[in-house]
Amino acid sequence: MKSLDTFDFKAIPKLNKTLVQDLARCEYIGRRENIIALGPSGTGKTHIALGLGLAACQRGLAVGFTTAAALVHELMEALDEKRLLRLQRQIANLKLLIIDELGFVPLSKTGAELLFEVFSQRYERGATIVTTNLPFDEWTEVFASERLTGALLDRLTHHVHILEMNGESYRLSEAKKRRAEKPAS
């Protein structure tokens, strides 16, 4: 469980803490706006996404959390088993969908198209949080189509709050601290 009150905002000084606290009021969900958390691995994107998801759950809203790779796998499985429409309806009914780690794994053509469908179906109908380590100009590498990437970004960024989370990896800095504190043998 990750909450916003356990997030170390000092570790990522460029992150707009006021915006994150404002987003925690969940008004963006009612307005069906999106959030994209951009930055290198280990900078707290997932922590922030989970904290915002927890805030929404505490308000009684239906929230889903998955990685991009797991969602694509689930969509492809549903397609094969002829239950894709049912899964798409379940995803569309979520007030907030959190898709973590977009861009870590390149997608097949079918996978990219299925993920695009999720974003397209949620456009102006539900809020979505995406975490990614890729700048927008590199999303074509994941979706393997400039046309598809352009259409996806157009929908995803139309009503968006961007959280830039640039800084050193929290995990790496913690490992360095532990190593420095370890007594020499």
N, C-alpha and C. Protein backbone atom coordinates (compact mmCIF):
# COMPACT_ATOMS: atom_id res chain seq x y z
N MET A 1 0.84 -1.19 0.00
CA MET A 1 0.00 0.00 0.00
C MET A 1 0.88 1.24 0.00
N LYS A 2 0.68 2.07 -0.97
CA LYS A 2 1.43 3.32 -1.04
C LYS A 2 0.42 4.46 -0.95
N SER A 3 0.69 5.38 -0.04
CA SER A 3 -0.18 6.54 0.08
C SER A 3 0.65 7.79 -0.18
N LEU A 4 -0.03 8.88 -0.47
CA LEU A 4 0.69 10.12 -0.77
C LEU A 4 1.40 10.68 0.45
N ASP A 5 0.88 10.40 1.64
CA ASP A 5 1.55 10.94 2.82
C ASP A 5 2.85 10.22 3.15
N THR A 6 3.14 9.11 2.47
CA THR A 6 4.44 8.45 2.67
C THR A 6 5.41 8.74 1.53
N PHE A 7 5.00 9.59 0.58
CA PHE A 7 5.88 9.93 -0.54
C PHE A 7 6.85 11.03 -0.13
N ASP A 8 8.12 10.85 -0.47
CA ASP A 8 9.16 11.83 -0.14
C ASP A 8 9.27 12.85 -1.27
N PHE A 9 8.53 13.94 -1.16
CA PHE A 9 8.53 14.97 -2.20
C PHE A 9 9.89 15.66 -2.31
N LYS A 10 10.69 15.63 -1.23
CA LYS A 10 12.02 16.26 -1.28
C LYS A 10 12.95 15.50 -2.22
N ALA A 11 12.70 14.21 -2.42
CA ALA A 11 13.55 13.40 -3.30
C ALA A 11 13.38 13.78 -4.77
N ILE A 12 12.22 14.33 -5.13
CA ILE A 12 11.93 14.75 -6.50
C ILE A 12 11.47 16.21 -6.44
N PRO A 13 12.42 17.15 -6.24
CA PRO A 13 12.05 18.54 -6.01
C PRO A 13 11.30 19.20 -7.18
N LYS A 14 11.47 18.71 -8.39
CA LYS A 14 10.77 19.32 -9.53
C LYS A 14 9.31 18.90 -9.63
N LEU A 15 8.92 17.87 -8.88
CA LEU A 15 7.53 17.42 -8.90
C LEU A 15 6.66 18.47 -8.22
N ASN A 16 5.57 18.85 -8.86
CA ASN A 16 4.66 19.86 -8.36
C ASN A 16 3.79 19.26 -7.24
N LYS A 17 4.25 19.42 -6.00
CA LYS A 17 3.56 18.85 -4.84
C LYS A 17 2.15 19.41 -4.71
N THR A 18 1.97 20.69 -4.97
CA THR A 18 0.65 21.32 -4.87
C THR A 18 -0.32 20.68 -5.86
N LEU A 19 0.15 20.41 -7.08
CA LEU A 19 -0.70 19.76 -8.08
C LEU A 19 -1.08 18.35 -7.62
N VAL A 20 -0.11 17.60 -7.09
CA VAL A 20 -0.39 16.24 -6.62
C VAL A 20 -1.43 16.28 -5.50
N GLN A 21 -1.28 17.20 -4.56
CA GLN A 21 -2.24 17.32 -3.46
C GLN A 21 -3.62 17.71 -3.97
N ASP A 22 -3.65 18.56 -4.99
CA ASP A 22 -4.92 18.95 -5.60
C ASP A 22 -5.57 17.74 -6.29
N LEU A 23 -4.75 16.95 -7.00
CA LEU A 23 -5.26 15.77 -7.68
C LEU A 23 -5.81 14.75 -6.68
N ALA A 24 -5.25 14.72 -5.48
CA ALA A 24 -5.70 13.78 -4.45
C ALA A 24 -7.14 14.05 -4.01
N ARG A 25 -7.67 15.21 -4.34
CA ARG A 25 -9.07 15.51 -4.04
C ARG A 25 -10.00 14.81 -5.05
N CYS A 26 -9.41 14.25 -6.11
CA CYS A 26 -10.11 13.40 -7.09
C CYS A 26 -11.12 14.13 -7.97
N GLU A 27 -11.07 15.43 -8.01
CA GLU A 27 -12.00 16.17 -8.87
C GLU A 27 -11.73 15.91 -10.35
N TYR A 28 -10.48 15.61 -10.69
CA TYR A 28 -10.13 15.31 -12.08
C TYR A 28 -10.88 14.07 -12.58
N ILE A 29 -11.21 13.16 -11.67
CA ILE A 29 -11.92 11.94 -12.06
C ILE A 29 -13.33 12.28 -12.54
N GLY A 30 -14.01 13.14 -11.82
CA GLY A 30 -15.34 13.58 -12.22
C GLY A 30 -15.31 14.33 -13.55
N ARG A 31 -14.20 15.02 -13.81
CA ARG A 31 -14.05 15.76 -15.08
C ARG A 31 -13.50 14.87 -16.19
N ARG A 32 -13.21 13.60 -15.84
CA ARG A 32 -12.69 12.59 -16.78
C ARG A 32 -11.38 13.05 -17.43
N GLU A 33 -10.49 13.56 -16.59
CA GLU A 33 -9.18 14.01 -17.05
C GLU A 33 -8.15 12.91 -16.77
N ASN A 34 -7.05 13.00 -17.47
CA ASN A 34 -5.99 11.99 -17.34
C ASN A 34 -4.78 12.57 -16.63
N ILE A 35 -3.93 11.67 -16.18
CA ILE A 35 -2.65 12.04 -15.57
C ILE A 35 -1.58 11.18 -16.23
N ILE A 36 -0.50 11.82 -16.61
CA ILE A 36 0.66 11.08 -17.11
C ILE A 36 1.83 11.44 -16.22
N ALA A 37 2.42 10.42 -15.59
CA ALA A 37 3.61 10.60 -14.76
C ALA A 37 4.81 10.12 -15.60
N LEU A 38 5.68 11.07 -15.92
CA LEU A 38 6.85 10.80 -16.78
C LEU A 38 8.13 10.90 -15.97
N GLY A 39 9.05 9.99 -16.21
CA GLY A 39 10.35 10.09 -15.55
C GLY A 39 11.07 8.77 -15.55
N PRO A 40 12.35 8.81 -15.21
CA PRO A 40 13.15 7.58 -15.18
C PRO A 40 12.66 6.60 -14.11
N SER A 41 13.13 5.37 -14.21
CA SER A 41 12.78 4.34 -13.22
C SER A 41 13.22 4.76 -11.83
N GLY A 42 12.39 4.40 -10.86
CA GLY A 42 12.76 4.62 -9.46
C GLY A 42 12.47 6.01 -8.92
N THR A 43 11.73 6.84 -9.67
CA THR A 43 11.49 8.21 -9.21
C THR A 43 10.14 8.38 -8.52
N GLY A 44 9.40 7.29 -8.33
CA GLY A 44 8.16 7.36 -7.56
C GLY A 44 6.89 7.48 -8.37
N LYS A 45 6.96 7.24 -9.66
CA LYS A 45 5.75 7.35 -10.50
C LYS A 45 4.66 6.39 -10.04
N THR A 46 5.03 5.15 -9.79
CA THR A 46 4.06 4.15 -9.35
C THR A 46 3.53 4.51 -7.97
N HIS A 47 4.38 4.99 -7.08
CA HIS A 47 3.97 5.39 -5.74
C HIS A 47 2.89 6.48 -5.83
N ILE A 48 3.14 7.50 -6.65
CA ILE A 48 2.18 8.59 -6.82
C ILE A 48 0.87 8.05 -7.41
N ALA A 49 0.98 7.20 -8.44
CA ALA A 49 -0.21 6.63 -9.07
C ALA A 49 -1.03 5.82 -8.06
N LEU A 50 -0.35 4.99 -7.27
CA LEU A 50 -1.04 4.20 -6.25
C LEU A 50 -1.66 5.10 -5.18
N GLY A 51 -0.95 6.15 -4.79
CA GLY A 51 -1.48 7.10 -3.81
C GLY A 51 -2.74 7.78 -4.30
N LEU A 52 -2.74 8.17 -5.58
CA LEU A 52 -3.93 8.80 -6.16
C LEU A 52 -5.06 7.77 -6.29
N GLY A 53 -4.70 6.55 -6.62
CA GLY A 53 -5.70 5.48 -6.70
C GLY A 53 -6.32 5.20 -5.34
N LEU A 54 -5.49 5.17 -4.30
CA LEU A 54 -5.99 4.96 -2.94
C LEU A 54 -6.94 6.09 -2.53
N ALA A 55 -6.57 7.32 -2.87
CA ALA A 55 -7.44 8.47 -2.56
C ALA A 55 -8.81 8.30 -3.23
N ALA A 56 -8.81 7.80 -4.47
CA ALA A 56 -10.08 7.57 -5.18
C ALA A 56 -10.87 6.43 -4.52
N CYS A 57 -10.18 5.36 -4.13
CA CYS A 57 -10.85 4.24 -3.44
C CYS A 57 -11.50 4.72 -2.14
N GLN A 58 -10.80 5.57 -1.42
CA GLN A 58 -11.32 6.08 -0.15
C GLN A 58 -12.57 6.93 -0.35
N ARG A 59 -12.79 7.39 -1.58
CA ARG A 59 -14.01 8.13 -1.92
C ARG A 59 -15.07 7.22 -2.52
N GLY A 60 -14.80 5.92 -2.50
CA GLY A 60 -15.78 4.95 -2.98
C GLY A 60 -15.82 4.78 -4.49
N LEU A 61 -14.80 5.23 -5.18
CA LEU A 61 -14.77 5.13 -6.64
C LEU A 61 -14.15 3.81 -7.09
N ALA A 62 -14.63 3.29 -8.20
CA ALA A 62 -14.09 2.04 -8.76
C ALA A 62 -12.77 2.34 -9.46
N VAL A 63 -11.70 1.68 -9.00
CA VAL A 63 -10.35 1.93 -9.51
C VAL A 63 -9.73 0.60 -9.94
N GLY A 64 -9.04 0.61 -11.07
CA GLY A 64 -8.30 -0.56 -11.52
C GLY A 64 -6.84 -0.21 -11.67
N PHE A 65 -5.96 -1.15 -11.33
CA PHE A 65 -4.51 -0.95 -11.46
C PHE A 65 -3.92 -2.14 -12.20
N THR A 66 -3.09 -1.87 -13.19
CA THR A 66 -2.40 -2.91 -13.94
C THR A 66 -1.17 -2.33 -14.61
N THR A 67 -0.27 -3.20 -15.01
CA THR A 67 0.82 -2.72 -15.85
C THR A 67 0.34 -2.77 -17.30
N ALA A 68 0.99 -2.01 -18.16
CA ALA A 68 0.62 -2.00 -19.58
C ALA A 68 0.78 -3.41 -20.17
N ALA A 69 1.88 -4.08 -19.84
CA ALA A 69 2.13 -5.42 -20.38
C ALA A 69 1.06 -6.41 -19.92
N ALA A 70 0.68 -6.36 -18.64
CA ALA A 70 -0.34 -7.28 -18.12
C ALA A 70 -1.70 -6.99 -18.74
N LEU A 71 -2.02 -5.72 -18.95
CA LEU A 71 -3.29 -5.36 -19.57
C LEU A 71 -3.36 -5.87 -21.00
N VAL A 72 -2.29 -5.68 -21.76
CA VAL A 72 -2.26 -6.16 -23.14
C VAL A 72 -2.38 -7.68 -23.17
N HIS A 73 -1.68 -8.35 -22.26
CA HIS A 73 -1.77 -9.82 -22.19
C HIS A 73 -3.22 -10.25 -21.90
N GLU A 74 -3.85 -9.57 -20.94
CA GLU A 74 -5.23 -9.89 -20.59
C GLU A 74 -6.18 -9.62 -21.76
N LEU A 75 -5.96 -8.52 -22.48
CA LEU A 75 -6.80 -8.19 -23.64
C LEU A 75 -6.65 -9.23 -24.75
N MET A 76 -5.40 -9.66 -24.99
CA MET A 76 -5.16 -10.64 -26.05
C MET A 76 -5.77 -12.00 -25.68
N GLU A 77 -5.66 -12.35 -24.41
CA GLU A 77 -6.27 -13.59 -23.93
C GLU A 77 -7.79 -13.54 -24.09
N ALA A 78 -8.37 -12.39 -23.74
CA ALA A 78 -9.82 -12.21 -23.87
C ALA A 78 -10.24 -12.27 -25.34
N LEU A 79 -9.43 -11.73 -26.22
CA LEU A 79 -9.71 -11.80 -27.66
C LEU A 79 -9.73 -13.25 -28.12
N ASP A 80 -8.72 -14.01 -27.72
CA ASP A 80 -8.64 -15.43 -28.09
C ASP A 80 -9.82 -16.23 -27.55
N GLU A 81 -10.28 -15.87 -26.35
CA GLU A 81 -11.35 -16.62 -25.70
C GLU A 81 -12.74 -16.03 -25.99
N LYS A 82 -12.80 -15.09 -26.92
CA LYS A 82 -14.06 -14.46 -27.34
C LYS A 82 -14.83 -13.82 -26.18
N ARG A 83 -14.09 -13.18 -25.28
CA ARG A 83 -14.72 -12.44 -24.18
C ARG A 83 -14.17 -11.01 -24.10
N LEU A 84 -13.66 -10.51 -25.23
CA LEU A 84 -13.05 -9.18 -25.27
C LEU A 84 -14.06 -8.08 -24.95
N LEU A 85 -15.25 -8.14 -25.52
CA LEU A 85 -16.24 -7.09 -25.27
C LEU A 85 -16.60 -6.99 -23.80
N ARG A 86 -16.71 -8.12 -23.12
CA ARG A 86 -17.03 -8.12 -21.68
C ARG A 86 -15.90 -7.45 -20.89
N LEU A 87 -14.64 -7.80 -21.21
CA LEU A 87 -13.49 -7.20 -20.53
C LEU A 87 -13.43 -5.70 -20.82
N GLN A 88 -13.65 -5.32 -22.07
CA GLN A 88 -13.63 -3.90 -22.42
C GLN A 88 -14.70 -3.12 -21.65
N ARG A 89 -15.88 -3.72 -21.48
CA ARG A 89 -16.95 -3.07 -20.71
C ARG A 89 -16.54 -2.90 -19.25
N GLN A 90 -15.90 -3.94 -18.68
CA GLN A 90 -15.44 -3.85 -17.28
C GLN A 90 -14.43 -2.72 -17.13
N ILE A 91 -13.50 -2.62 -18.05
CA ILE A 91 -12.48 -1.57 -18.00
C ILE A 91 -13.12 -0.20 -18.17
N ALA A 92 -14.06 -0.10 -19.10
CA ALA A 92 -14.73 1.18 -19.36
C ALA A 92 -15.54 1.65 -18.16
N ASN A 93 -16.04 0.71 -17.35
CA ASN A 93 -16.86 1.08 -16.19
C ASN A 93 -16.04 1.58 -15.00
N LEU A 94 -14.74 1.42 -15.03
CA LEU A 94 -13.90 1.93 -13.94
C LEU A 94 -13.89 3.46 -13.98
N LYS A 95 -14.04 4.07 -12.83
CA LYS A 95 -13.95 5.54 -12.78
C LYS A 95 -12.51 5.99 -13.01
N LEU A 96 -11.55 5.17 -12.53
CA LEU A 96 -10.14 5.47 -12.69
C LEU A 96 -9.40 4.19 -13.06
N LEU A 97 -8.66 4.25 -14.15
CA LEU A 97 -7.80 3.14 -14.56
C LEU A 97 -6.36 3.61 -14.49
N ILE A 98 -5.54 2.86 -13.76
CA ILE A 98 -4.11 3.17 -13.65
C ILE A 98 -3.34 2.14 -14.47
N ILE A 99 -2.59 2.63 -15.45
CA ILE A 99 -1.77 1.76 -16.30
C ILE A 99 -0.31 2.12 -16.02
N ASP A 100 0.37 1.20 -15.37
CA ASP A 100 1.74 1.40 -14.93
C ASP A 100 2.72 0.87 -15.97
N GLU A 101 3.87 1.50 -16.04
CA GLU A 101 5.01 1.00 -16.83
C GLU A 101 4.75 0.94 -18.33
N LEU A 102 4.05 1.92 -18.88
CA LEU A 102 3.88 1.96 -20.33
C LEU A 102 5.25 2.24 -20.96
N GLY A 103 5.62 1.41 -21.90
CA GLY A 103 6.90 1.63 -22.59
C GLY A 103 8.01 0.72 -22.15
N PHE A 104 7.81 -0.05 -21.11
CA PHE A 104 8.86 -0.96 -20.67
C PHE A 104 8.97 -2.15 -21.60
N VAL A 105 7.86 -2.53 -22.21
CA VAL A 105 7.83 -3.69 -23.11
C VAL A 105 7.21 -3.25 -24.44
N PRO A 106 7.91 -3.47 -25.56
CA PRO A 106 7.29 -3.14 -26.85
C PRO A 106 6.07 -4.03 -27.08
N LEU A 107 5.11 -3.51 -27.79
CA LEU A 107 3.85 -4.23 -28.00
C LEU A 107 3.78 -4.78 -29.42
N SER A 108 3.10 -5.91 -29.55
CA SER A 108 2.82 -6.44 -30.89
C SER A 108 1.80 -5.50 -31.55
N LYS A 109 1.62 -5.65 -32.84
CA LYS A 109 0.64 -4.83 -33.56
C LYS A 109 -0.75 -5.01 -32.95
N THR A 110 -1.15 -6.25 -32.72
CA THR A 110 -2.46 -6.52 -32.13
C THR A 110 -2.55 -5.95 -30.72
N GLY A 111 -1.49 -6.14 -29.92
CA GLY A 111 -1.47 -5.62 -28.56
C GLY A 111 -1.59 -4.10 -28.53
N ALA A 112 -0.87 -3.44 -29.43
CA ALA A 112 -0.92 -1.97 -29.51
C ALA A 112 -2.33 -1.51 -29.88
N GLU A 113 -2.94 -2.21 -30.83
CA GLU A 113 -4.30 -1.84 -31.25
C GLU A 113 -5.31 -2.05 -30.13
N LEU A 114 -5.17 -3.14 -29.39
CA LEU A 114 -6.08 -3.41 -28.27
C LEU A 114 -5.92 -2.37 -27.16
N LEU A 115 -4.68 -1.99 -26.87
CA LEU A 115 -4.44 -0.98 -25.84
C LEU A 115 -4.98 0.37 -26.30
N PHE A 116 -4.79 0.69 -27.59
CA PHE A 116 -5.35 1.92 -28.14
C PHE A 116 -6.87 1.94 -27.93
N GLU A 117 -7.52 0.80 -28.16
CA GLU A 117 -8.97 0.70 -27.99
C GLU A 117 -9.38 1.06 -26.56
N VAL A 118 -8.59 0.60 -25.58
CA VAL A 118 -8.88 0.93 -24.18
C VAL A 118 -8.85 2.44 -23.98
N PHE A 119 -7.78 3.08 -24.46
CA PHE A 119 -7.67 4.53 -24.32
C PHE A 119 -8.79 5.24 -25.07
N SER A 120 -9.09 4.75 -26.25
CA SER A 120 -10.13 5.36 -27.08
C SER A 120 -11.50 5.26 -26.41
N GLN A 121 -11.81 4.09 -25.84
CA GLN A 121 -13.10 3.89 -25.17
C GLN A 121 -13.22 4.72 -23.89
N ARG A 122 -12.10 5.01 -23.25
CA ARG A 122 -12.12 5.80 -22.02
C ARG A 122 -12.09 7.30 -22.29
N TYR A 123 -11.75 7.70 -23.51
CA TYR A 123 -11.63 9.12 -23.84
C TYR A 123 -12.92 9.87 -23.49
N GLU A 124 -12.79 10.85 -22.61
CA GLU A 124 -13.88 11.68 -22.12
C GLU A 124 -14.99 10.89 -21.43
N ARG A 125 -14.71 9.62 -21.08
CA ARG A 125 -15.70 8.80 -20.36
C ARG A 125 -15.16 8.32 -19.01
N GLY A 126 -13.84 8.34 -18.83
CA GLY A 126 -13.22 7.88 -17.59
C GLY A 126 -11.82 8.43 -17.46
N ALA A 127 -11.37 8.59 -16.24
CA ALA A 127 -10.02 9.10 -15.98
C ALA A 127 -9.01 7.96 -16.06
N THR A 128 -7.83 8.28 -16.55
CA THR A 128 -6.76 7.29 -16.68
C THR A 128 -5.46 7.90 -16.19
N ILE A 129 -4.71 7.13 -15.42
CA ILE A 129 -3.35 7.52 -15.02
C ILE A 129 -2.40 6.58 -15.74
N VAL A 130 -1.39 7.16 -16.37
CA VAL A 130 -0.36 6.37 -17.05
C VAL A 130 0.99 6.75 -16.46
N THR A 131 1.79 5.73 -16.11
CA THR A 131 3.17 6.00 -15.72
C THR A 131 4.07 5.48 -16.83
N THR A 132 5.10 6.23 -17.14
CA THR A 132 6.01 5.84 -18.22
C THR A 132 7.39 6.45 -18.02
N ASN A 133 8.37 5.75 -18.52
CA ASN A 133 9.73 6.29 -18.49
C ASN A 133 10.10 6.88 -19.85
N LEU A 134 9.15 6.88 -20.79
CA LEU A 134 9.43 7.36 -22.15
C LEU A 134 8.87 8.75 -22.40
N PRO A 135 9.68 9.64 -22.98
CA PRO A 135 9.12 10.92 -23.45
C PRO A 135 8.15 10.64 -24.61
N PHE A 136 7.24 11.54 -24.85
CA PHE A 136 6.21 11.32 -25.88
C PHE A 136 6.79 10.98 -27.25
N ASP A 137 7.90 11.59 -27.60
CA ASP A 137 8.46 11.35 -28.94
C ASP A 137 9.01 9.94 -29.11
N GLU A 138 9.07 9.17 -28.04
CA GLU A 138 9.54 7.77 -28.15
C GLU A 138 8.40 6.75 -28.04
N TRP A 139 7.16 7.22 -27.92
CA TRP A 139 6.04 6.29 -27.80
C TRP A 139 5.82 5.48 -29.07
N THR A 140 6.25 5.99 -30.20
CA THR A 140 6.11 5.25 -31.46
C THR A 140 6.86 3.93 -31.39
N GLU A 141 7.95 3.87 -30.63
CA GLU A 141 8.71 2.62 -30.47
C GLU A 141 7.86 1.55 -29.78
N VAL A 142 6.96 1.95 -28.92
CA VAL A 142 6.11 1.01 -28.20
C VAL A 142 4.92 0.58 -29.06
N PHE A 143 4.32 1.56 -29.72
CA PHE A 143 3.10 1.28 -30.49
C PHE A 143 3.39 0.95 -31.96
N ALA A 144 4.63 1.11 -32.39
CA ALA A 144 5.10 0.69 -33.72
C ALA A 144 4.31 1.29 -34.88
N SER A 145 3.63 2.37 -34.65
CA SER A 145 2.88 3.03 -35.72
C SER A 145 2.75 4.51 -35.37
N GLU A 146 3.23 5.36 -36.26
CA GLU A 146 3.11 6.80 -36.01
C GLU A 146 1.65 7.23 -35.97
N ARG A 147 0.84 6.67 -36.85
CA ARG A 147 -0.58 7.03 -36.92
C ARG A 147 -1.29 6.66 -35.62
N LEU A 148 -1.07 5.43 -35.15
CA LEU A 148 -1.70 4.96 -33.92
C LEU A 148 -1.20 5.76 -32.71
N THR A 149 0.11 6.00 -32.66
CA THR A 149 0.68 6.77 -31.55
C THR A 149 0.12 8.18 -31.52
N GLY A 150 0.03 8.81 -32.69
CA GLY A 150 -0.51 10.17 -32.78
C GLY A 150 -1.95 10.23 -32.30
N ALA A 151 -2.76 9.27 -32.73
CA ALA A 151 -4.17 9.24 -32.32
C ALA A 151 -4.29 8.99 -30.82
N LEU A 152 -3.45 8.10 -30.29
CA LEU A 152 -3.47 7.79 -28.86
C LEU A 152 -3.08 9.02 -28.04
N LEU A 153 -1.98 9.66 -28.41
CA LEU A 153 -1.53 10.84 -27.66
C LEU A 153 -2.54 11.97 -27.75
N ASP A 154 -3.19 12.10 -28.91
CA ASP A 154 -4.21 13.13 -29.09
C ASP A 154 -5.32 12.96 -28.05
N ARG A 155 -5.79 11.73 -27.88
CA ARG A 155 -6.87 11.45 -26.92
C ARG A 155 -6.38 11.55 -25.48
N LEU A 156 -5.23 10.96 -25.22
CA LEU A 156 -4.72 10.88 -23.85
C LEU A 156 -4.32 12.25 -23.30
N THR A 157 -3.80 13.12 -24.16
CA THR A 157 -3.29 14.41 -23.69
C THR A 157 -4.28 15.55 -23.85
N HIS A 158 -5.48 15.27 -24.37
CA HIS A 158 -6.47 16.35 -24.55
C HIS A 158 -6.85 16.99 -23.22
N HIS A 159 -7.13 16.19 -22.22
CA HIS A 159 -7.44 16.69 -20.87
C HIS A 159 -6.45 16.00 -19.94
N VAL A 160 -5.28 16.60 -19.73
CA VAL A 160 -4.22 15.88 -19.02
C VAL A 160 -3.51 16.75 -18.00
N HIS A 161 -3.06 16.11 -16.95
CA HIS A 161 -2.15 16.70 -15.97
C HIS A 161 -0.85 15.91 -16.12
N ILE A 162 0.24 16.59 -16.39
CA ILE A 162 1.52 15.91 -16.57
C ILE A 162 2.36 16.12 -15.32
N LEU A 163 2.80 15.00 -14.75
CA LEU A 163 3.68 15.04 -13.58
C LEU A 163 5.09 14.65 -14.05
N GLU A 164 5.97 15.63 -14.11
CA GLU A 164 7.35 15.34 -14.51
C GLU A 164 8.12 14.94 -13.27
N MET A 165 8.63 13.72 -13.31
CA MET A 165 9.28 13.15 -12.13
C MET A 165 10.73 12.79 -12.46
N ASN A 166 11.49 13.81 -12.75
CA ASN A 166 12.89 13.60 -13.08
C ASN A 166 13.73 13.71 -11.82
N GLY A 167 14.65 12.81 -11.69
CA GLY A 167 15.53 12.79 -10.53
C GLY A 167 16.24 11.46 -10.46
N GLU A 168 16.98 11.27 -9.38
CA GLU A 168 17.72 10.02 -9.19
C GLU A 168 16.76 8.94 -8.67
N SER A 169 17.04 7.73 -9.04
CA SER A 169 16.24 6.59 -8.59
C SER A 169 16.27 6.50 -7.06
N TYR A 170 15.09 6.43 -6.46
CA TYR A 170 14.97 6.29 -5.01
C TYR A 170 15.61 4.98 -4.56
N ARG A 171 15.36 3.90 -5.30
CA ARG A 171 15.92 2.60 -4.93
C ARG A 171 17.44 2.63 -4.99
N LEU A 172 17.98 3.26 -6.03
CA LEU A 172 19.43 3.35 -6.17
C LEU A 172 20.04 4.17 -5.04
N SER A 173 19.42 5.30 -4.71
CA SER A 173 19.98 6.13 -3.64
C SER A 173 19.87 5.43 -2.28
N GLU A 174 18.80 4.66 -2.06
CA GLU A 174 18.67 3.88 -0.81
C GLU A 174 19.76 2.80 -0.73
N ALA A 175 20.03 2.15 -1.85
CA ALA A 175 21.08 1.12 -1.88
C ALA A 175 22.44 1.74 -1.58
N LYS A 176 22.69 2.91 -2.13
CA LYS A 176 23.96 3.61 -1.87
C LYS A 176 24.09 3.97 -0.39
N LYS A 177 22.98 4.42 0.21
CA LYS A 177 22.99 4.77 1.65
C LYS A 177 23.29 3.54 2.49
N ARG A 178 22.63 2.42 2.17
CA ARG A 178 22.86 1.18 2.95
C ARG A 178 24.31 0.73 2.82
N ARG A 179 24.85 0.83 1.63
CA ARG A 179 26.23 0.42 1.41
C ARG A 179 27.19 1.32 2.19
N ALA A 180 26.90 2.62 2.22
CA ALA A 180 27.75 3.57 2.94
C ALA A 180 27.67 3.34 4.46
N GLU A 181 26.49 2.89 4.95
CA GLU A 181 26.31 2.67 6.38
C GLU A 181 26.86 1.34 6.86
N LYS A 182 27.10 0.42 5.92
CA LYS A 182 27.56 -0.92 6.27
C LYS A 182 29.00 -0.84 6.80
N PRO A 183 29.24 -1.43 7.96
CA PRO A 183 30.61 -1.39 8.51
C PRO A 183 31.56 -2.23 7.64
N ALA A 184 32.77 -1.74 7.50
CA ALA A 184 33.78 -2.46 6.71
C ALA A 184 34.21 -3.72 7.45
N SER A 185 34.41 -4.80 6.72
CA SER A 185 34.80 -6.08 7.33
C SER A 185 36.28 -6.18 7.47
